[in-house]
Amino acid sequence: MIVIIPALIGILLGAFTAKRRGGKTADILQYAVGYGIAFALVGVILTITLDKMLAGPVY
């Protein structure tokens, strides 16, 4: 469930970035989705990495 937090952070960061650059509603939504997907991907990689590191050896 680590994926949800980075995705939400990405959505907020993308929306604020587009708004700060003077974007219209479509621009804000596009940035929010793009950042959300990118941050969620980082969260997935982090989840897999932590799972592999914390799991015991497989025999």
PDB file of N, CA and C in Angstrom:
ATOM      1  N   MET A   1       0.810  -1.200   0.000  1.00  0.00           N
ATOM      2  CA  MET A   1       0.000   0.000   0.000  1.00  0.00           C
ATOM      3  C   MET A   1       0.854   1.266   0.000  1.00  0.00           C
ATOM      4  N   ILE A   2       2.139   1.100  -0.203  1.00  0.00           N
ATOM      5  CA  ILE A   2       3.012   2.270  -0.272  1.00  0.00           C
ATOM      6  C   ILE A   2       2.706   3.082  -1.531  1.00  0.00           C
ATOM      7  N   VAL A   3       2.073   2.484  -2.505  1.00  0.00           N
ATOM      8  CA  VAL A   3       1.833   3.133  -3.791  1.00  0.00           C
ATOM      9  C   VAL A   3       0.864   4.305  -3.666  1.00  0.00           C
ATOM     10  N   ILE A   4      -0.081   4.215  -2.772  1.00  0.00           N
ATOM     11  CA  ILE A   4      -1.135   5.229  -2.689  1.00  0.00           C
ATOM     12  C   ILE A   4      -0.585   6.583  -2.265  1.00  0.00           C
ATOM     13  N   ILE A   5       0.282   6.612  -1.276  1.00  0.00           N
ATOM     14  CA  ILE A   5       0.796   7.882  -0.760  1.00  0.00           C
ATOM     15  C   ILE A   5       1.614   8.633  -1.825  1.00  0.00           C
ATOM     16  N   PRO A   6       2.587   7.979  -2.498  1.00  0.00           N
ATOM     17  CA  PRO A   6       3.298   8.719  -3.550  1.00  0.00           C
ATOM     18  C   PRO A   6       2.383   9.157  -4.696  1.00  0.00           C
ATOM     19  N   ALA A   7       1.378   8.356  -5.016  1.00  0.00           N
ATOM     20  CA  ALA A   7       0.455   8.743  -6.081  1.00  0.00           C
ATOM     21  C   ALA A   7      -0.306  10.019  -5.700  1.00  0.00           C
ATOM     22  N   LEU A   8      -0.784  10.088  -4.478  1.00  0.00           N
ATOM     23  CA  LEU A   8      -1.491  11.291  -4.029  1.00  0.00           C
ATOM     24  C   LEU A   8      -0.571  12.505  -3.983  1.00  0.00           C
ATOM     25  N   ILE A   9       0.663  12.298  -3.523  1.00  0.00           N
ATOM     26  CA  ILE A   9       1.637  13.391  -3.508  1.00  0.00           C
ATOM     27  C   ILE A   9       1.902  13.868  -4.934  1.00  0.00           C
ATOM     28  N   GLY A  10       2.040  12.930  -5.863  1.00  0.00           N
ATOM     29  CA  GLY A  10       2.266  13.289  -7.256  1.00  0.00           C
ATOM     30  C   GLY A  10       1.112  14.064  -7.854  1.00  0.00           C
ATOM     31  N   ILE A  11      -0.106  13.646  -7.541  1.00  0.00           N
ATOM     32  CA  ILE A  11      -1.288  14.351  -8.040  1.00  0.00           C
ATOM     33  C   ILE A  11      -1.299  15.792  -7.541  1.00  0.00           C
ATOM     34  N   LEU A  12      -1.062  15.964  -6.255  1.00  0.00           N
ATOM     35  CA  LEU A  12      -1.053  17.318  -5.691  1.00  0.00           C
ATOM     36  C   LEU A  12       0.082  18.158  -6.259  1.00  0.00           C
ATOM     37  N   LEU A  13       1.269  17.569  -6.360  1.00  0.00           N
ATOM     38  CA  LEU A  13       2.416  18.294  -6.885  1.00  0.00           C
ATOM     39  C   LEU A  13       2.195  18.695  -8.347  1.00  0.00           C
ATOM     40  N   GLY A  14       1.634  17.786  -9.127  1.00  0.00           N
ATOM     41  CA  GLY A  14       1.351  18.096 -10.526  1.00  0.00           C
ATOM     42  C   GLY A  14       0.319  19.204 -10.676  1.00  0.00           C
ATOM     43  N   ALA A  15      -0.725  19.144  -9.878  1.00  0.00           N
ATOM     44  CA  ALA A  15      -1.763  20.173  -9.956  1.00  0.00           C
ATOM     45  C   ALA A  15      -1.209  21.538  -9.555  1.00  0.00           C
ATOM     46  N   PHE A  16      -0.430  21.584  -8.486  1.00  0.00           N
ATOM     47  CA  PHE A  16       0.151  22.854  -8.048  1.00  0.00           C
ATOM     48  C   PHE A  16       1.150  23.391  -9.068  1.00  0.00           C
ATOM     49  N   THR A  17       1.903  22.494  -9.699  1.00  0.00           N
ATOM     50  CA  THR A  17       2.874  22.918 -10.706  1.00  0.00           C
ATOM     51  C   THR A  17       2.166  23.554 -11.897  1.00  0.00           C
ATOM     52  N   ALA A  18       1.130  22.898 -12.384  1.00  0.00           N
ATOM     53  CA  ALA A  18       0.393  23.441 -13.528  1.00  0.00           C
ATOM     54  C   ALA A  18      -0.301  24.756 -13.172  1.00  0.00           C
ATOM     55  N   LYS A  19      -0.856  24.823 -11.981  1.00  0.00           N
ATOM     56  CA  LYS A  19      -1.536  26.050 -11.556  1.00  0.00           C
ATOM     57  C   LYS A  19      -0.544  27.198 -11.440  1.00  0.00           C
ATOM     58  N   ARG A  20       0.638  26.915 -10.894  1.00  0.00           N
ATOM     59  CA  ARG A  20       1.657  27.947 -10.733  1.00  0.00           C
ATOM     60  C   ARG A  20       2.145  28.460 -12.092  1.00  0.00           C
ATOM     61  N   ARG A  21       2.147  27.577 -13.097  1.00  0.00           N
ATOM     62  CA  ARG A  21       2.582  27.970 -14.440  1.00  0.00           C
ATOM     63  C   ARG A  21       1.456  28.618 -15.250  1.00  0.00           C
ATOM     64  N   GLY A  22       0.309  28.800 -14.629  1.00  0.00           N
ATOM     65  CA  GLY A  22      -0.797  29.493 -15.296  1.00  0.00           C
ATOM     66  C   GLY A  22      -1.622  28.612 -16.214  1.00  0.00           C
ATOM     67  N   GLY A  23      -1.677  27.321 -15.930  1.00  0.00           N
ATOM     68  CA  GLY A  23      -2.412  26.401 -16.784  1.00  0.00           C
ATOM     69  C   GLY A  23      -3.909  26.463 -16.564  1.00  0.00           C
ATOM     70  N   LYS A  24      -4.618  26.085 -17.599  1.00  0.00           N
ATOM     71  CA  LYS A  24      -6.075  26.000 -17.502  1.00  0.00           C
ATOM     72  C   LYS A  24      -6.459  24.653 -16.883  1.00  0.00           C
ATOM     73  N   THR A  25      -7.741  24.405 -16.756  1.00  0.00           N
ATOM     74  CA  THR A  25      -8.221  23.195 -16.080  1.00  0.00           C
ATOM     75  C   THR A  25      -7.688  21.919 -16.719  1.00  0.00           C
ATOM     76  N   ALA A  26      -7.686  21.865 -18.044  1.00  0.00           N
ATOM     77  CA  ALA A  26      -7.190  20.672 -18.735  1.00  0.00           C
ATOM     78  C   ALA A  26      -5.693  20.468 -18.464  1.00  0.00           C
ATOM     79  N   ASP A  27      -4.940  21.560 -18.424  1.00  0.00           N
ATOM     80  CA  ASP A  27      -3.515  21.470 -18.127  1.00  0.00           C
ATOM     81  C   ASP A  27      -3.278  20.950 -16.710  1.00  0.00           C
ATOM     82  N   ILE A  28      -4.058  21.455 -15.772  1.00  0.00           N
ATOM     83  CA  ILE A  28      -3.920  21.036 -14.378  1.00  0.00           C
ATOM     84  C   ILE A  28      -4.227  19.551 -14.245  1.00  0.00           C
ATOM     85  N   LEU A  29      -5.294  19.103 -14.902  1.00  0.00           N
ATOM     86  CA  LEU A  29      -5.641  17.679 -14.845  1.00  0.00           C
ATOM     87  C   LEU A  29      -4.573  16.815 -15.493  1.00  0.00           C
ATOM     88  N   GLN A  30      -4.037  17.270 -16.615  1.00  0.00           N
ATOM     89  CA  GLN A  30      -3.015  16.486 -17.305  1.00  0.00           C
ATOM     90  C   GLN A  30      -1.751  16.380 -16.458  1.00  0.00           C
ATOM     91  N   TYR A  31      -1.321  17.460 -15.869  1.00  0.00           N
ATOM     92  CA  TYR A  31      -0.148  17.424 -15.005  1.00  0.00           C
ATOM     93  C   TYR A  31      -0.399  16.532 -13.785  1.00  0.00           C
ATOM     94  N   ALA A  32      -1.589  16.646 -13.205  1.00  0.00           N
ATOM     95  CA  ALA A  32      -1.914  15.846 -12.025  1.00  0.00           C
ATOM     96  C   ALA A  32      -1.866  14.358 -12.352  1.00  0.00           C
ATOM     97  N   VAL A  33      -2.431  13.969 -13.488  1.00  0.00           N
ATOM     98  CA  VAL A  33      -2.426  12.558 -13.881  1.00  0.00           C
ATOM     99  C   VAL A  33      -1.008  12.093 -14.190  1.00  0.00           C
ATOM    100  N   GLY A  34      -0.265  12.901 -14.924  1.00  0.00           N
ATOM    101  CA  GLY A  34       1.103  12.532 -15.284  1.00  0.00           C
ATOM    102  C   GLY A  34       1.998  12.359 -14.069  1.00  0.00           C
ATOM    103  N   TYR A  35       1.968  13.317 -13.182  1.00  0.00           N
ATOM    104  CA  TYR A  35       2.768  13.222 -11.964  1.00  0.00           C
ATOM    105  C   TYR A  35       2.286  12.074 -11.081  1.00  0.00           C
ATOM    106  N   GLY A  36       0.973  11.895 -11.014  1.00  0.00           N
ATOM    107  CA  GLY A  36       0.422  10.803 -10.210  1.00  0.00           C
ATOM    108  C   GLY A  36       0.904   9.449 -10.699  1.00  0.00           C
ATOM    109  N   ILE A  37       0.902   9.238 -12.017  1.00  0.00           N
ATOM    110  CA  ILE A  37       1.372   7.970 -12.580  1.00  0.00           C
ATOM    111  C   ILE A  37       2.854   7.786 -12.313  1.00  0.00           C
ATOM    112  N   ALA A  38       3.637   8.837 -12.515  1.00  0.00           N
ATOM    113  CA  ALA A  38       5.085   8.743 -12.303  1.00  0.00           C
ATOM    114  C   ALA A  38       5.416   8.418 -10.843  1.00  0.00           C
ATOM    115  N   PHE A  39       4.766   9.100  -9.922  1.00  0.00           N
ATOM    116  CA  PHE A  39       5.034   8.857  -8.503  1.00  0.00           C
ATOM    117  C   PHE A  39       4.519   7.493  -8.068  1.00  0.00           C
ATOM    118  N   ALA A  40       3.398   7.049  -8.646  1.00  0.00           N
ATOM    119  CA  ALA A  40       2.881   5.715  -8.329  1.00  0.00           C
ATOM    120  C   ALA A  40       3.856   4.641  -8.809  1.00  0.00           C
ATOM    121  N   LEU A  41       4.474   4.854  -9.964  1.00  0.00           N
ATOM    122  CA  LEU A  41       5.465   3.911 -10.470  1.00  0.00           C
ATOM    123  C   LEU A  41       6.652   3.825  -9.528  1.00  0.00           C
ATOM    124  N   VAL A  42       7.088   4.958  -9.013  1.00  0.00           N
ATOM    125  CA  VAL A  42       8.169   4.952  -8.020  1.00  0.00           C
ATOM    126  C   VAL A  42       7.721   4.195  -6.774  1.00  0.00           C
ATOM    127  N   GLY A  43       6.473   4.372  -6.366  1.00  0.00           N
ATOM    128  CA  GLY A  43       5.946   3.654  -5.209  1.00  0.00           C
ATOM    129  C   GLY A  43       5.900   2.147  -5.433  1.00  0.00           C
ATOM    130  N   VAL A  44       5.560   1.721  -6.648  1.00  0.00           N
ATOM    131  CA  VAL A  44       5.541   0.292  -6.970  1.00  0.00           C
ATOM    132  C   VAL A  44       6.953  -0.283  -6.884  1.00  0.00           C
ATOM    133  N   ILE A  45       7.916   0.427  -7.457  1.00  0.00           N
ATOM    134  CA  ILE A  45       9.306  -0.038  -7.410  1.00  0.00           C
ATOM    135  C   ILE A  45       9.794  -0.104  -5.969  1.00  0.00           C
ATOM    136  N   LEU A  46       9.452   0.901  -5.181  1.00  0.00           N
ATOM    137  CA  LEU A  46       9.834   0.903  -3.767  1.00  0.00           C
ATOM    138  C   LEU A  46       9.185  -0.258  -3.021  1.00  0.00           C
ATOM    139  N   THR A  47       7.924  -0.533  -3.299  1.00  0.00           N
ATOM    140  CA  THR A  47       7.222  -1.647  -2.650  1.00  0.00           C
ATOM    141  C   THR A  47       7.872  -2.976  -2.989  1.00  0.00           C
ATOM    142  N   ILE A  48       8.174  -3.185  -4.258  1.00  0.00           N
ATOM    143  CA  ILE A  48       8.806  -4.442  -4.673  1.00  0.00           C
ATOM    144  C   ILE A  48      10.180  -4.585  -4.042  1.00  0.00           C
ATOM    145  N   THR A  49      10.946  -3.502  -4.040  1.00  0.00           N
ATOM    146  CA  THR A  49      12.283  -3.535  -3.443  1.00  0.00           C
ATOM    147  C   THR A  49      12.217  -3.866  -1.959  1.00  0.00           C
ATOM    148  N   LEU A  50      11.341  -3.202  -1.234  1.00  0.00           N
ATOM    149  CA  LEU A  50      11.214  -3.474   0.197  1.00  0.00           C
ATOM    150  C   LEU A  50      10.735  -4.897   0.459  1.00  0.00           C
ATOM    151  N   ASP A  51       9.813  -5.376  -0.366  1.00  0.00           N
ATOM    152  CA  ASP A  51       9.310  -6.732  -0.196  1.00  0.00           C
ATOM    153  C   ASP A  51      10.428  -7.752  -0.386  1.00  0.00           C
ATOM    154  N   LYS A  52      11.249  -7.539  -1.395  1.00  0.00           N
ATOM    155  CA  LYS A  52      12.356  -8.467  -1.656  1.00  0.00           C
ATOM    156  C   LYS A  52      13.417  -8.392  -0.568  1.00  0.00           C
ATOM    157  N   MET A  53      13.658  -7.202  -0.034  1.00  0.00           N
ATOM    158  CA  MET A  53      14.686  -7.039   0.996  1.00  0.00           C
ATOM    159  C   MET A  53      14.230  -7.602   2.344  1.00  0.00           C
ATOM    160  N   LEU A  54      12.962  -7.422   2.672  1.00  0.00           N
ATOM    161  CA  LEU A  54      12.468  -7.827   3.979  1.00  0.00           C
ATOM    162  C   LEU A  54      12.035  -9.289   4.039  1.00  0.00           C
ATOM    163  N   ALA A  55      11.799  -9.880   2.880  1.00  0.00           N
ATOM    164  CA  ALA A  55      11.414 -11.284   2.869  1.00  0.00           C
ATOM    165  C   ALA A  55      12.641 -12.145   3.160  1.00  0.00           C
ATOM    166  N   GLY A  56      12.406 -13.221   3.831  1.00  0.00           N
ATOM    167  CA  GLY A  56      13.493 -14.125   4.158  1.00  0.00           C
ATOM    168  C   GLY A  56      13.996 -14.840   2.914  1.00  0.00           C
ATOM    169  N   PRO A  57      15.072 -15.574   3.062  1.00  0.00           N
ATOM    170  CA  PRO A  57      15.590 -16.306   1.910  1.00  0.00           C
ATOM    171  C   PRO A  57      14.620 -17.382   1.449  1.00  0.00           C
ATOM    172  N   VAL A  58      14.578 -17.595   0.152  1.00  0.00           N
ATOM    173  CA  VAL A  58      13.701 -18.599  -0.426  1.00  0.00           C
ATOM    174  C   VAL A  58      14.519 -19.848  -0.670  1.00  0.00           C
ATOM    175  N   TYR A  59      14.081 -20.969  -0.099  1.00  0.00           N
ATOM    176  CA  TYR A  59      14.818 -22.221  -0.255  1.00  0.00           C
ATOM    177  C   TYR A  59      14.121 -23.145  -1.192  1.00  0.00           C
TER     178      TYR A  59
END
